[in-house]
């Protein structure tokens, strides 16, 4: 389809898709993560938590994963449909918290069948 035509919702979401790759790592990691190359070993659901609770939950979760040598996790942050102003508050905060974690190599928005824009798949360093 010609890019000068009006954009559908799918295009809007694609541009805002969550993805991150730590410097020095192959861009191929993002494709592999999205396609399920690594099996999701653990997941957490942040629904109903306020920002501070969610942050401490993520920090403890990643620390626990590091101890147990877990590589790939899913963090369900929700789409913000029940939040004030219907905005995905946690989605943006989770993105920033993960970037700050030394253990995080990459993350991608989960495939639609696995939570879509309401979840993120995270690849952690190998220990």
N, C-alpha and C. Protein backbone atom coordinates (compact mmCIF):
# COMPACT_ATOMS: atom_id res chain seq x y z
N UNK A 1 0.85 -1.17 0.00
CA UNK A 1 0.00 0.00 0.00
C UNK A 1 0.89 1.23 0.00
N UNK A 2 0.45 2.25 -0.66
CA UNK A 2 1.22 3.49 -0.77
C UNK A 2 1.25 4.21 0.58
N UNK A 3 2.44 4.63 1.00
CA UNK A 3 2.57 5.23 2.33
C UNK A 3 1.97 6.63 2.41
N UNK A 4 1.65 7.21 1.26
CA UNK A 4 1.07 8.56 1.31
C UNK A 4 -0.44 8.51 1.56
N UNK A 5 -1.03 7.32 1.49
CA UNK A 5 -2.47 7.21 1.76
C UNK A 5 -2.70 7.34 3.26
N UNK A 6 -3.96 7.51 3.64
CA UNK A 6 -4.25 7.68 5.06
C UNK A 6 -3.84 6.43 5.82
N UNK A 7 -3.35 6.62 7.01
CA UNK A 7 -2.85 5.51 7.81
C UNK A 7 -3.97 4.88 8.63
N UNK A 8 -3.95 3.56 8.68
CA UNK A 8 -4.92 2.85 9.51
C UNK A 8 -4.38 2.73 10.92
N UNK A 9 -5.22 2.23 11.82
CA UNK A 9 -4.80 2.06 13.21
C UNK A 9 -3.59 1.14 13.34
N UNK A 10 -3.53 0.10 12.50
CA UNK A 10 -2.40 -0.82 12.56
C UNK A 10 -1.08 -0.09 12.40
N UNK A 11 -1.04 0.88 11.49
CA UNK A 11 0.20 1.63 11.26
C UNK A 11 0.58 2.47 12.48
N UNK A 12 -0.42 3.04 13.12
CA UNK A 12 -0.17 3.86 14.30
C UNK A 12 0.47 2.99 15.38
N UNK A 13 -0.12 1.80 15.61
CA UNK A 13 0.42 0.91 16.63
C UNK A 13 1.81 0.42 16.28
N UNK A 14 2.06 0.15 15.02
CA UNK A 14 3.39 -0.31 14.61
C UNK A 14 4.45 0.73 14.95
N UNK A 15 4.16 1.99 14.71
CA UNK A 15 5.13 3.04 14.99
C UNK A 15 5.40 3.15 16.49
N UNK A 16 4.40 2.82 17.31
CA UNK A 16 4.56 2.97 18.75
C UNK A 16 4.95 1.65 19.44
N UNK A 17 5.21 0.63 18.64
CA UNK A 17 5.53 -0.67 19.21
C UNK A 17 6.74 -0.60 20.13
N UNK A 18 6.63 -1.29 21.24
CA UNK A 18 7.72 -1.32 22.20
C UNK A 18 8.84 -2.21 21.69
N UNK A 19 10.04 -1.69 21.57
CA UNK A 19 11.22 -2.49 21.25
C UNK A 19 12.44 -1.78 21.81
N UNK A 20 13.37 -2.58 22.26
CA UNK A 20 14.61 -2.02 22.80
C UNK A 20 15.70 -3.06 22.62
N UNK A 21 16.88 -2.59 22.26
CA UNK A 21 18.04 -3.46 22.15
C UNK A 21 19.23 -2.72 22.74
N UNK A 22 19.85 -3.33 23.73
CA UNK A 22 21.03 -2.72 24.36
C UNK A 22 22.16 -2.60 23.33
N UNK A 23 22.89 -1.50 23.39
CA UNK A 23 24.02 -1.29 22.48
C UNK A 23 24.97 -2.47 22.49
N UNK A 24 25.51 -2.78 21.32
CA UNK A 24 26.49 -3.85 21.21
C UNK A 24 25.90 -5.22 20.95
N UNK A 25 24.59 -5.31 20.80
CA UNK A 25 23.94 -6.59 20.54
C UNK A 25 23.35 -6.62 19.14
N UNK A 26 23.27 -7.80 18.55
CA UNK A 26 22.78 -7.97 17.18
C UNK A 26 21.29 -7.63 17.07
N UNK A 27 20.92 -6.85 16.05
CA UNK A 27 19.50 -6.53 15.82
C UNK A 27 18.66 -7.80 15.58
N UNK A 28 19.32 -8.88 15.20
CA UNK A 28 18.63 -10.16 14.98
C UNK A 28 17.95 -10.65 16.27
N UNK A 29 18.47 -10.24 17.42
CA UNK A 29 17.88 -10.63 18.71
C UNK A 29 16.41 -10.20 18.78
N UNK A 30 16.11 -9.00 18.28
CA UNK A 30 14.72 -8.51 18.33
C UNK A 30 13.80 -9.41 17.53
N UNK A 31 14.23 -9.82 16.32
CA UNK A 31 13.41 -10.71 15.50
C UNK A 31 13.22 -12.06 16.16
N UNK A 32 14.30 -12.61 16.71
CA UNK A 32 14.23 -13.91 17.38
C UNK A 32 13.30 -13.85 18.58
N UNK A 33 13.39 -12.78 19.35
CA UNK A 33 12.55 -12.62 20.53
C UNK A 33 11.08 -12.55 20.13
N UNK A 34 10.79 -11.78 19.11
CA UNK A 34 9.42 -11.62 18.63
C UNK A 34 8.85 -12.95 18.10
N UNK A 35 9.72 -13.75 17.47
CA UNK A 35 9.26 -15.01 16.85
C UNK A 35 9.28 -16.20 17.81
N UNK A 36 9.63 -15.96 19.07
CA UNK A 36 9.58 -17.03 20.06
C UNK A 36 10.78 -17.95 20.09
N UNK A 37 11.93 -17.48 19.63
CA UNK A 37 13.16 -18.27 19.64
C UNK A 37 13.49 -18.72 21.07
N UNK A 38 13.33 -17.82 22.03
CA UNK A 38 13.50 -18.16 23.44
C UNK A 38 12.13 -18.44 24.04
N UNK A 39 12.03 -19.50 24.80
CA UNK A 39 10.76 -19.84 25.44
C UNK A 39 10.59 -18.95 26.66
N UNK A 40 9.39 -18.40 26.81
CA UNK A 40 9.09 -17.57 27.99
C UNK A 40 9.06 -18.50 29.20
N UNK A 41 9.97 -18.26 30.13
CA UNK A 41 10.12 -19.14 31.29
C UNK A 41 9.32 -18.67 32.50
N UNK A 42 9.12 -17.38 32.61
CA UNK A 42 8.37 -16.82 33.75
C UNK A 42 7.61 -15.60 33.28
N UNK A 43 6.55 -15.26 33.99
CA UNK A 43 5.83 -14.02 33.65
C UNK A 43 5.24 -13.41 34.92
N UNK A 44 5.02 -12.11 34.84
CA UNK A 44 4.34 -11.41 35.92
C UNK A 44 3.26 -10.54 35.32
N UNK A 45 2.23 -10.30 36.12
CA UNK A 45 1.09 -9.49 35.69
C UNK A 45 0.99 -8.29 36.62
N UNK A 46 1.09 -7.10 36.04
CA UNK A 46 1.09 -5.87 36.85
C UNK A 46 -0.30 -5.22 36.96
N UNK A 47 -1.33 -5.89 36.41
CA UNK A 47 -2.68 -5.33 36.49
C UNK A 47 -3.05 -4.98 37.93
N UNK A 48 -3.59 -3.81 38.11
CA UNK A 48 -4.07 -3.38 39.42
C UNK A 48 -3.02 -2.78 40.34
N UNK A 49 -1.77 -2.78 39.90
CA UNK A 49 -0.72 -2.20 40.75
C UNK A 49 -0.52 -0.73 40.40
N UNK A 50 -0.18 0.07 41.41
CA UNK A 50 0.19 1.45 41.15
C UNK A 50 1.68 1.47 40.78
N UNK A 51 2.14 2.58 40.22
CA UNK A 51 3.50 2.67 39.69
C UNK A 51 4.58 2.18 40.63
N UNK A 52 4.58 2.65 41.87
CA UNK A 52 5.64 2.27 42.81
C UNK A 52 5.64 0.77 43.09
N UNK A 53 4.44 0.19 43.24
CA UNK A 53 4.33 -1.26 43.48
C UNK A 53 4.86 -2.01 42.26
N UNK A 54 4.46 -1.56 41.08
CA UNK A 54 4.87 -2.21 39.84
C UNK A 54 6.39 -2.18 39.68
N UNK A 55 6.99 -1.04 39.98
CA UNK A 55 8.44 -0.92 39.83
C UNK A 55 9.16 -1.89 40.76
N UNK A 56 8.76 -1.93 42.01
CA UNK A 56 9.44 -2.81 42.96
C UNK A 56 9.18 -4.28 42.60
N UNK A 57 8.01 -4.58 42.07
CA UNK A 57 7.67 -5.93 41.62
C UNK A 57 8.61 -6.36 40.49
N UNK A 58 8.84 -5.46 39.53
CA UNK A 58 9.72 -5.75 38.39
C UNK A 58 11.17 -5.93 38.86
N UNK A 59 11.63 -5.05 39.70
CA UNK A 59 13.01 -5.14 40.22
C UNK A 59 13.23 -6.48 40.93
N UNK A 60 12.30 -6.86 41.79
CA UNK A 60 12.41 -8.14 42.51
C UNK A 60 12.30 -9.33 41.56
N UNK A 61 11.41 -9.22 40.58
CA UNK A 61 11.20 -10.29 39.60
C UNK A 61 12.49 -10.52 38.79
N UNK A 62 13.09 -9.46 38.29
CA UNK A 62 14.32 -9.59 37.50
C UNK A 62 15.45 -10.14 38.36
N UNK A 63 15.55 -9.70 39.58
CA UNK A 63 16.56 -10.20 40.50
C UNK A 63 16.38 -11.71 40.73
N UNK A 64 15.14 -12.14 40.92
CA UNK A 64 14.83 -13.54 41.12
C UNK A 64 15.17 -14.35 39.85
N UNK A 65 14.85 -13.80 38.69
CA UNK A 65 15.15 -14.48 37.42
C UNK A 65 16.65 -14.65 37.24
N UNK A 66 17.41 -13.64 37.63
CA UNK A 66 18.87 -13.69 37.53
C UNK A 66 19.41 -14.84 38.38
N UNK A 67 18.90 -14.96 39.61
CA UNK A 67 19.34 -16.03 40.52
C UNK A 67 19.01 -17.40 39.95
N UNK A 68 17.84 -17.50 39.29
CA UNK A 68 17.39 -18.80 38.77
C UNK A 68 17.82 -19.04 37.32
N UNK A 69 18.65 -18.14 36.80
CA UNK A 69 19.17 -18.24 35.43
C UNK A 69 18.07 -18.28 34.36
N UNK A 70 17.02 -17.51 34.59
CA UNK A 70 15.92 -17.40 33.63
C UNK A 70 16.32 -16.38 32.57
N UNK A 71 16.14 -16.70 31.31
CA UNK A 71 16.55 -15.82 30.21
C UNK A 71 15.42 -14.97 29.63
N UNK A 72 14.26 -15.60 29.43
CA UNK A 72 13.17 -14.91 28.73
C UNK A 72 11.92 -14.84 29.60
N UNK A 73 11.40 -13.62 29.76
CA UNK A 73 10.23 -13.42 30.61
C UNK A 73 9.19 -12.56 29.89
N UNK A 74 7.97 -12.66 30.40
CA UNK A 74 6.90 -11.80 29.89
C UNK A 74 6.40 -10.93 31.03
N UNK A 75 6.30 -9.63 30.76
CA UNK A 75 5.74 -8.71 31.75
C UNK A 75 4.43 -8.17 31.17
N UNK A 76 3.34 -8.47 31.86
CA UNK A 76 2.03 -8.00 31.42
C UNK A 76 1.75 -6.69 32.14
N UNK A 77 1.71 -5.61 31.38
CA UNK A 77 1.48 -4.30 31.98
C UNK A 77 0.09 -3.78 31.68
N UNK A 78 -0.62 -4.41 30.79
CA UNK A 78 -1.97 -4.00 30.42
C UNK A 78 -1.97 -2.90 29.38
N UNK A 79 -3.15 -2.63 28.86
CA UNK A 79 -3.30 -1.63 27.80
C UNK A 79 -3.81 -0.30 28.33
N UNK A 80 -4.08 -0.24 29.62
CA UNK A 80 -4.53 1.01 30.21
C UNK A 80 -6.01 1.27 30.08
N UNK A 81 -6.77 0.27 29.66
CA UNK A 81 -8.19 0.46 29.41
C UNK A 81 -8.99 0.81 30.67
N UNK A 82 -8.50 0.38 31.83
CA UNK A 82 -9.21 0.67 33.08
C UNK A 82 -8.57 1.79 33.88
N UNK A 83 -7.53 2.39 33.33
CA UNK A 83 -6.85 3.44 34.08
C UNK A 83 -7.53 4.80 33.85
N UNK A 84 -7.17 5.73 34.70
CA UNK A 84 -7.66 7.10 34.59
C UNK A 84 -7.25 7.63 33.21
N UNK A 85 -8.13 8.27 32.50
CA UNK A 85 -7.88 8.78 31.14
C UNK A 85 -7.66 7.69 30.09
N UNK A 86 -7.85 6.42 30.48
CA UNK A 86 -7.69 5.29 29.56
C UNK A 86 -6.31 5.26 28.89
N UNK A 87 -5.30 5.68 29.62
CA UNK A 87 -3.94 5.72 29.07
C UNK A 87 -3.10 4.60 29.66
N UNK A 88 -2.20 4.02 28.84
CA UNK A 88 -1.34 2.94 29.33
C UNK A 88 -0.16 3.47 30.14
N UNK A 89 -0.44 3.91 31.34
CA UNK A 89 0.57 4.52 32.21
C UNK A 89 1.73 3.56 32.47
N UNK A 90 1.40 2.34 32.87
CA UNK A 90 2.45 1.37 33.20
C UNK A 90 3.28 0.98 31.98
N UNK A 91 2.65 0.93 30.82
CA UNK A 91 3.35 0.54 29.59
C UNK A 91 4.60 1.41 29.39
N UNK A 92 4.43 2.71 29.49
CA UNK A 92 5.56 3.63 29.29
C UNK A 92 6.57 3.55 30.42
N UNK A 93 6.09 3.38 31.63
CA UNK A 93 7.00 3.30 32.78
C UNK A 93 7.81 2.01 32.74
N UNK A 94 7.16 0.90 32.39
CA UNK A 94 7.85 -0.39 32.30
C UNK A 94 9.00 -0.28 31.31
N UNK A 95 8.72 0.35 30.18
CA UNK A 95 9.73 0.54 29.14
C UNK A 95 10.96 1.25 29.72
N UNK A 96 10.75 2.31 30.45
CA UNK A 96 11.87 3.07 31.03
C UNK A 96 12.58 2.31 32.14
N UNK A 97 11.83 1.59 32.96
CA UNK A 97 12.46 0.82 34.03
C UNK A 97 13.34 -0.28 33.45
N UNK A 98 12.87 -0.94 32.40
CA UNK A 98 13.63 -2.05 31.82
C UNK A 98 14.94 -1.56 31.20
N UNK A 99 14.90 -0.42 30.54
CA UNK A 99 16.10 0.14 29.92
C UNK A 99 17.19 0.39 30.97
N UNK A 100 16.77 0.73 32.18
CA UNK A 100 17.72 1.03 33.26
C UNK A 100 18.32 -0.22 33.90
N UNK A 101 17.72 -1.37 33.65
CA UNK A 101 18.20 -2.60 34.27
C UNK A 101 19.36 -3.18 33.50
N UNK A 102 20.47 -3.38 34.17
CA UNK A 102 21.69 -3.89 33.57
C UNK A 102 21.47 -5.30 32.99
N UNK A 103 20.56 -6.08 33.57
CA UNK A 103 20.30 -7.45 33.13
C UNK A 103 19.55 -7.55 31.81
N UNK A 104 18.86 -6.47 31.41
CA UNK A 104 18.00 -6.50 30.23
C UNK A 104 18.81 -6.27 28.95
N UNK A 105 18.76 -7.25 28.05
CA UNK A 105 19.44 -7.14 26.75
C UNK A 105 18.48 -6.51 25.73
N UNK A 106 17.23 -6.99 25.74
CA UNK A 106 16.27 -6.54 24.74
C UNK A 106 14.85 -6.78 25.23
N UNK A 107 13.92 -6.07 24.60
CA UNK A 107 12.51 -6.39 24.78
C UNK A 107 11.74 -6.03 23.53
N UNK A 108 10.63 -6.73 23.34
CA UNK A 108 9.73 -6.45 22.23
C UNK A 108 8.30 -6.56 22.74
N UNK A 109 7.41 -5.86 22.06
CA UNK A 109 5.99 -6.02 22.35
C UNK A 109 5.62 -7.47 22.08
N UNK A 110 4.82 -8.04 22.95
CA UNK A 110 4.43 -9.45 22.78
C UNK A 110 3.60 -9.62 21.51
N UNK A 111 3.68 -10.80 20.88
CA UNK A 111 2.81 -11.05 19.73
C UNK A 111 1.35 -10.97 20.18
N UNK A 112 0.47 -10.70 19.26
CA UNK A 112 -0.96 -10.52 19.58
C UNK A 112 -1.50 -11.68 20.42
N UNK A 113 -1.16 -12.94 20.07
CA UNK A 113 -1.69 -14.11 20.79
C UNK A 113 -1.11 -14.23 22.21
N UNK A 114 -0.13 -13.42 22.53
CA UNK A 114 0.54 -13.51 23.82
C UNK A 114 0.41 -12.23 24.65
N UNK A 115 -0.55 -11.39 24.30
CA UNK A 115 -0.79 -10.16 25.07
C UNK A 115 -0.68 -8.89 24.25
N UNK A 116 -0.06 -8.97 23.07
CA UNK A 116 0.05 -7.81 22.18
C UNK A 116 0.59 -6.59 22.88
N UNK A 117 -0.04 -5.45 22.64
CA UNK A 117 0.46 -4.19 23.20
C UNK A 117 0.28 -4.08 24.71
N UNK A 118 -0.33 -5.11 25.32
CA UNK A 118 -0.51 -5.11 26.77
C UNK A 118 0.56 -5.89 27.51
N UNK A 119 1.57 -6.36 26.75
CA UNK A 119 2.63 -7.15 27.38
C UNK A 119 3.94 -6.97 26.61
N UNK A 120 5.03 -7.31 27.27
CA UNK A 120 6.34 -7.18 26.65
C UNK A 120 7.16 -8.45 26.96
N UNK A 121 7.87 -8.94 25.94
CA UNK A 121 8.77 -10.08 26.13
C UNK A 121 10.16 -9.51 26.35
N UNK A 122 10.84 -10.00 27.37
CA UNK A 122 12.13 -9.46 27.76
C UNK A 122 13.19 -10.54 27.73
N UNK A 123 14.33 -10.23 27.11
CA UNK A 123 15.47 -11.15 27.12
C UNK A 123 16.49 -10.63 28.12
N UNK A 124 16.83 -11.50 29.07
CA UNK A 124 17.80 -11.14 30.11
C UNK A 124 19.15 -11.74 29.80
N UNK A 125 20.19 -11.14 30.36
CA UNK A 125 21.57 -11.64 30.20
C UNK A 125 21.65 -13.08 30.66
N UNK A 126 22.58 -13.79 30.06
CA UNK A 126 22.84 -15.17 30.47
C UNK A 126 23.82 -15.15 31.64
N UNK A 127 23.50 -15.90 32.69
CA UNK A 127 24.39 -15.94 33.86
C UNK A 127 24.85 -17.34 34.13
